[in-house]
């Protein structure tokens, strides 16, 4: 049993020893977490270049694991925001072009058909001039939702810019592309849009310019109402 300290000097030495011990413990734990973080960084780097192992890395330290999970979620959220058009919630123009480039490369490599359609809202400026830009935004969201719920699951739809939408249809020849374009045109035409400041329904029309390649050759067509 240790003797009870009786002087201020002894008390100060004990307090200093406890503080120094806590500091050293923190340094050891900090270095261990730093090493784990460095190892994690190497694993993430290998995952980026495709050399990572299929099993997910495990983090023995709970604090480090929680931090990594939060960081991963934040990065995923930022990537989604960077690819999303905030008005229509479709993918944006850069993401459209990225998808299109990948599908063109795949179609050329395997000689498979690929249909691409540019969908344009007719007389959109008139809607803005008559009802205002807020209603114009509502029209864009309306058309985006109609198109999104009409296309196939394998197709990719995005907002190309302004009142234009880009639709990428893999494994689709000229006949299929023409049928899909006509189906979309009719779907938009059948769905009425009611402007908030109007007592009547506003009929929305779209024109579709589409092309197919390579497959059996290159073809293009245009559909409007």
Protein backbone atom coordinates (compact mmCIF):
# COMPACT_ATOMS: atom_id res chain seq x y z
CA UNK A 1 0.00 0.00 0.00
CA UNK A 2 1.48 3.36 -1.09
CA UNK A 3 1.89 6.10 1.52
CA UNK A 4 -0.50 8.98 1.45
CA UNK A 5 1.18 12.13 -0.03
CA UNK A 6 1.62 14.81 2.60
CA UNK A 7 3.23 17.70 0.75
CA UNK A 8 2.18 19.90 -2.13
CA UNK A 9 5.30 18.82 -4.00
CA UNK A 10 4.24 15.18 -3.85
CA UNK A 11 0.72 16.06 -4.95
CA UNK A 12 2.08 18.10 -7.85
CA UNK A 13 4.33 15.23 -8.95
CA UNK A 14 1.41 12.77 -8.86
CA UNK A 15 -0.79 15.16 -10.88
CA UNK A 16 2.02 15.73 -13.39
CA UNK A 17 2.56 11.99 -13.72
CA UNK A 18 -1.13 11.39 -14.37
CA UNK A 19 -1.28 14.16 -16.98
CA UNK A 20 1.91 12.94 -18.66
CA UNK A 21 0.58 9.39 -18.73
CA UNK A 22 -2.70 10.54 -20.28
CA UNK A 23 -0.77 12.53 -22.89
CA UNK A 24 1.41 9.57 -23.84
CA UNK A 25 -1.64 7.32 -24.03
CA UNK A 26 -3.32 9.81 -26.38
CA UNK A 27 -0.20 9.98 -28.55
CA UNK A 28 -0.04 6.19 -28.82
CA UNK A 29 -3.73 5.92 -29.69
CA UNK A 30 -3.42 8.82 -32.14
CA UNK A 31 -0.47 7.20 -33.91
CA UNK A 32 -2.32 3.90 -34.13
CA UNK A 33 -5.34 5.60 -35.68
CA UNK A 34 -3.08 7.54 -38.02
CA UNK A 35 -1.52 4.26 -39.20
CA UNK A 36 -4.98 2.76 -39.67
CA UNK A 37 -6.06 5.84 -41.60
CA UNK A 38 -2.99 5.60 -43.82
CA UNK A 39 -3.74 1.93 -44.51
CA UNK A 40 -7.35 2.86 -45.29
CA UNK A 41 -6.17 5.55 -47.71
CA UNK A 42 -4.03 2.98 -49.52
CA UNK A 43 -7.03 0.64 -49.76
CA UNK A 44 -9.26 3.39 -51.12
CA UNK A 45 -6.58 4.33 -53.66
CA UNK A 46 -6.36 0.71 -54.80
CA UNK A 47 -10.14 0.60 -55.03
CA UNK A 48 -10.04 3.61 -57.33
CA UNK A 49 -7.58 2.02 -59.76
CA UNK A 50 -9.39 -1.33 -59.69
CA UNK A 51 -6.73 -3.34 -57.82
CA UNK A 52 -8.60 -3.63 -54.51
CA UNK A 53 -9.73 -6.96 -53.15
CA UNK A 54 -13.46 -7.74 -53.38
CA UNK A 55 -13.88 -7.94 -49.60
CA UNK A 56 -14.62 -4.72 -47.77
CA UNK A 57 -11.94 -3.35 -45.41
CA UNK A 58 -12.62 -3.81 -41.71
CA UNK A 59 -11.90 -1.13 -39.14
CA UNK A 60 -11.08 -2.43 -35.63
CA UNK A 61 -11.32 1.05 -34.16
CA UNK A 62 -14.96 2.12 -33.67
CA UNK A 63 -14.24 5.88 -33.87
CA UNK A 64 -12.28 5.45 -37.08
CA UNK A 65 -14.99 3.20 -38.54
CA UNK A 66 -17.71 5.75 -37.78
CA UNK A 67 -15.66 8.60 -39.24
CA UNK A 68 -14.96 6.66 -42.43
CA UNK A 69 -18.63 5.74 -42.82
CA UNK A 70 -19.69 9.38 -42.45
CA UNK A 71 -17.00 10.53 -44.89
CA UNK A 72 -18.04 7.89 -47.42
CA UNK A 73 -21.68 8.97 -47.16
CA UNK A 74 -20.74 12.64 -47.61
CA UNK A 75 -18.63 11.85 -50.68
CA UNK A 76 -21.49 9.85 -52.19
CA UNK A 77 -23.91 12.74 -51.56
CA UNK A 78 -21.55 15.22 -53.22
CA UNK A 79 -21.13 12.96 -56.25
CA UNK A 80 -24.91 12.66 -56.62
CA UNK A 81 -25.33 16.45 -56.37
CA UNK A 82 -22.61 17.00 -58.96
CA UNK A 83 -24.45 14.76 -61.46
CA UNK A 84 -28.02 15.92 -60.74
CA UNK A 85 -30.04 18.72 -62.29
CA UNK A 86 -31.54 20.45 -59.27
CA UNK A 87 -34.75 21.50 -61.04
CA UNK A 88 -35.87 18.22 -62.63
CA UNK A 89 -33.86 15.78 -60.45
CA UNK A 90 -32.64 14.07 -63.62
CA UNK A 91 -28.95 13.73 -64.39
CA UNK A 92 -27.41 16.92 -65.76
CA UNK A 93 -25.65 17.66 -69.05
CA UNK A 94 -22.11 16.53 -68.04
CA UNK A 95 -23.53 13.26 -66.69
CA UNK A 96 -25.58 12.83 -69.90
CA UNK A 97 -22.47 13.21 -72.02
CA UNK A 98 -20.58 10.77 -69.82
CA UNK A 99 -23.28 8.13 -70.19
CA UNK A 100 -23.53 8.77 -73.92
CA UNK A 101 -19.77 8.43 -74.43
CA UNK A 102 -19.75 5.12 -72.57
CA UNK A 103 -22.67 3.72 -74.56
CA UNK A 104 -21.14 4.85 -77.89
CA UNK A 105 -17.89 3.09 -76.99
CA UNK A 106 -19.74 -0.09 -76.04
CA UNK A 107 -21.89 -0.01 -79.19
CA UNK A 108 -18.88 0.46 -81.43
CA UNK A 109 -16.88 -2.24 -79.69
CA UNK A 110 -19.55 -4.91 -79.93
CA UNK A 111 -21.36 -3.67 -83.03
CA UNK A 112 -24.61 -3.20 -81.15
CA UNK A 113 -27.30 -0.63 -82.07
CA UNK A 114 -27.70 2.51 -80.01
CA UNK A 115 -30.51 5.05 -80.27
CA UNK A 116 -30.18 8.60 -78.97
CA UNK A 117 -33.05 11.09 -78.82
CA UNK A 118 -33.04 14.83 -78.15
CA UNK A 119 -36.46 15.86 -76.80
CA UNK A 120 -37.44 19.52 -77.05
CA UNK A 121 -40.49 21.23 -75.49
CA UNK A 122 -42.32 23.16 -78.21
CA UNK A 123 -42.99 26.88 -77.74
CA UNK A 124 -41.46 26.88 -74.28
CA UNK A 125 -40.63 30.59 -74.51
CA UNK A 126 -44.32 31.29 -74.94
CA UNK A 127 -45.05 29.51 -71.66
CA UNK A 128 -42.48 31.65 -69.85
CA UNK A 129 -43.76 34.86 -71.44
CA UNK A 130 -47.41 34.07 -70.71
CA UNK A 131 -47.24 32.51 -67.25
CA UNK A 132 -43.80 33.45 -65.94
CA UNK A 133 -40.59 31.54 -65.34
CA UNK A 134 -41.88 29.88 -62.18
CA UNK A 135 -44.59 28.17 -64.23
CA UNK A 136 -41.98 27.39 -66.85
CA UNK A 137 -40.02 25.54 -64.16
CA UNK A 138 -43.18 23.62 -63.27
CA UNK A 139 -43.58 22.63 -66.92
CA UNK A 140 -39.99 21.35 -67.03
CA UNK A 141 -40.57 19.27 -63.91
CA UNK A 142 -43.86 17.99 -65.34
CA UNK A 143 -42.34 16.88 -68.64
CA UNK A 144 -39.34 15.36 -66.87
CA UNK A 145 -41.61 13.25 -64.68
CA UNK A 146 -43.74 12.09 -67.63
CA UNK A 147 -40.64 11.08 -69.57
CA UNK A 148 -39.00 9.43 -66.56
CA UNK A 149 -42.03 7.24 -65.85
CA UNK A 150 -42.45 6.31 -69.54
CA UNK A 151 -38.97 5.23 -70.59
CA UNK A 152 -37.57 1.73 -70.15
CA UNK A 153 -35.49 0.78 -67.13
CA UNK A 154 -32.38 0.31 -69.32
CA UNK A 155 -32.66 3.80 -70.83
CA UNK A 156 -30.98 6.89 -69.41
CA UNK A 157 -32.76 10.25 -69.38
CA UNK A 158 -31.21 13.57 -68.46
CA UNK A 159 -31.73 17.29 -68.83
CA UNK A 160 -29.46 18.40 -71.64
CA UNK A 161 -30.07 22.11 -71.20
CA UNK A 162 -32.89 24.63 -71.19
CA UNK A 163 -36.03 22.84 -72.35
CA UNK A 164 -34.11 19.94 -73.93
CA UNK A 165 -33.80 16.39 -72.62
CA UNK A 166 -31.40 13.70 -73.80
CA UNK A 167 -32.48 10.06 -73.93
CA UNK A 168 -29.94 7.28 -74.45
CA UNK A 169 -31.46 3.94 -75.51
CA UNK A 170 -28.96 1.05 -75.66
CA UNK A 171 -29.69 -2.08 -77.70
CA UNK A 172 -32.25 -0.14 -79.76
CA UNK A 173 -32.38 -0.15 -83.57
CA UNK A 174 -34.13 2.33 -85.87
CA UNK A 175 -37.52 0.65 -85.57
CA UNK A 176 -37.33 0.51 -81.80
CA UNK A 177 -36.03 4.06 -81.54
CA UNK A 178 -38.84 5.38 -83.72
CA UNK A 179 -41.45 3.49 -81.69
CA UNK A 180 -40.01 4.76 -78.39
CA UNK A 181 -39.92 8.35 -79.63
CA UNK A 182 -43.53 8.20 -80.77
CA UNK A 183 -44.56 6.63 -77.47
CA UNK A 184 -42.91 9.44 -75.53
CA UNK A 185 -44.44 12.12 -77.75
CA UNK A 186 -47.92 10.73 -77.17
CA UNK A 187 -47.35 10.33 -73.43
CA UNK A 188 -46.46 13.99 -73.02
CA UNK A 189 -49.35 15.10 -75.24
CA UNK A 190 -51.88 13.07 -73.25
CA UNK A 191 -50.87 14.52 -69.90
CA UNK A 192 -52.44 17.89 -69.23
CA UNK A 193 -50.63 20.56 -67.25
CA UNK A 194 -52.57 23.14 -65.26
CA UNK A 195 -50.74 26.40 -64.65
CA UNK A 196 -51.20 27.69 -61.08
CA UNK A 197 -52.35 31.12 -62.30
CA UNK A 198 -54.65 29.83 -65.05
CA UNK A 199 -58.16 28.34 -65.07
CA UNK A 200 -57.50 26.21 -68.12
CA UNK A 201 -55.15 23.36 -68.94
CA UNK A 202 -51.99 24.09 -70.85
CA UNK A 203 -51.23 21.54 -73.54
CA UNK A 204 -47.54 20.69 -73.71
CA UNK A 205 -46.02 19.38 -76.92
CA UNK A 206 -42.58 17.97 -77.61
CA UNK A 207 -40.51 17.42 -80.73
CA UNK A 208 -38.03 14.56 -80.85
CA UNK A 209 -34.89 14.33 -82.96
CA UNK A 210 -33.36 10.86 -82.83
CA UNK A 211 -30.58 8.88 -84.43
CA UNK A 212 -29.42 5.26 -84.43
CA UNK A 213 -25.91 3.88 -84.90
CA UNK A 214 -23.98 1.74 -85.64
CA UNK A 215 -25.88 -1.58 -85.96
CA UNK A 216 -27.23 -1.86 -89.49
CA UNK A 217 -26.02 1.60 -90.39
CA UNK A 218 -26.80 5.12 -89.25
CA UNK A 219 -30.33 6.50 -89.39
CA UNK A 220 -32.00 9.65 -88.10
CA UNK A 221 -35.59 10.77 -87.78
CA UNK A 222 -37.68 13.62 -86.42
CA UNK A 223 -41.08 13.45 -84.74
CA UNK A 224 -43.35 16.32 -83.75
CA UNK A 225 -47.04 16.96 -83.30
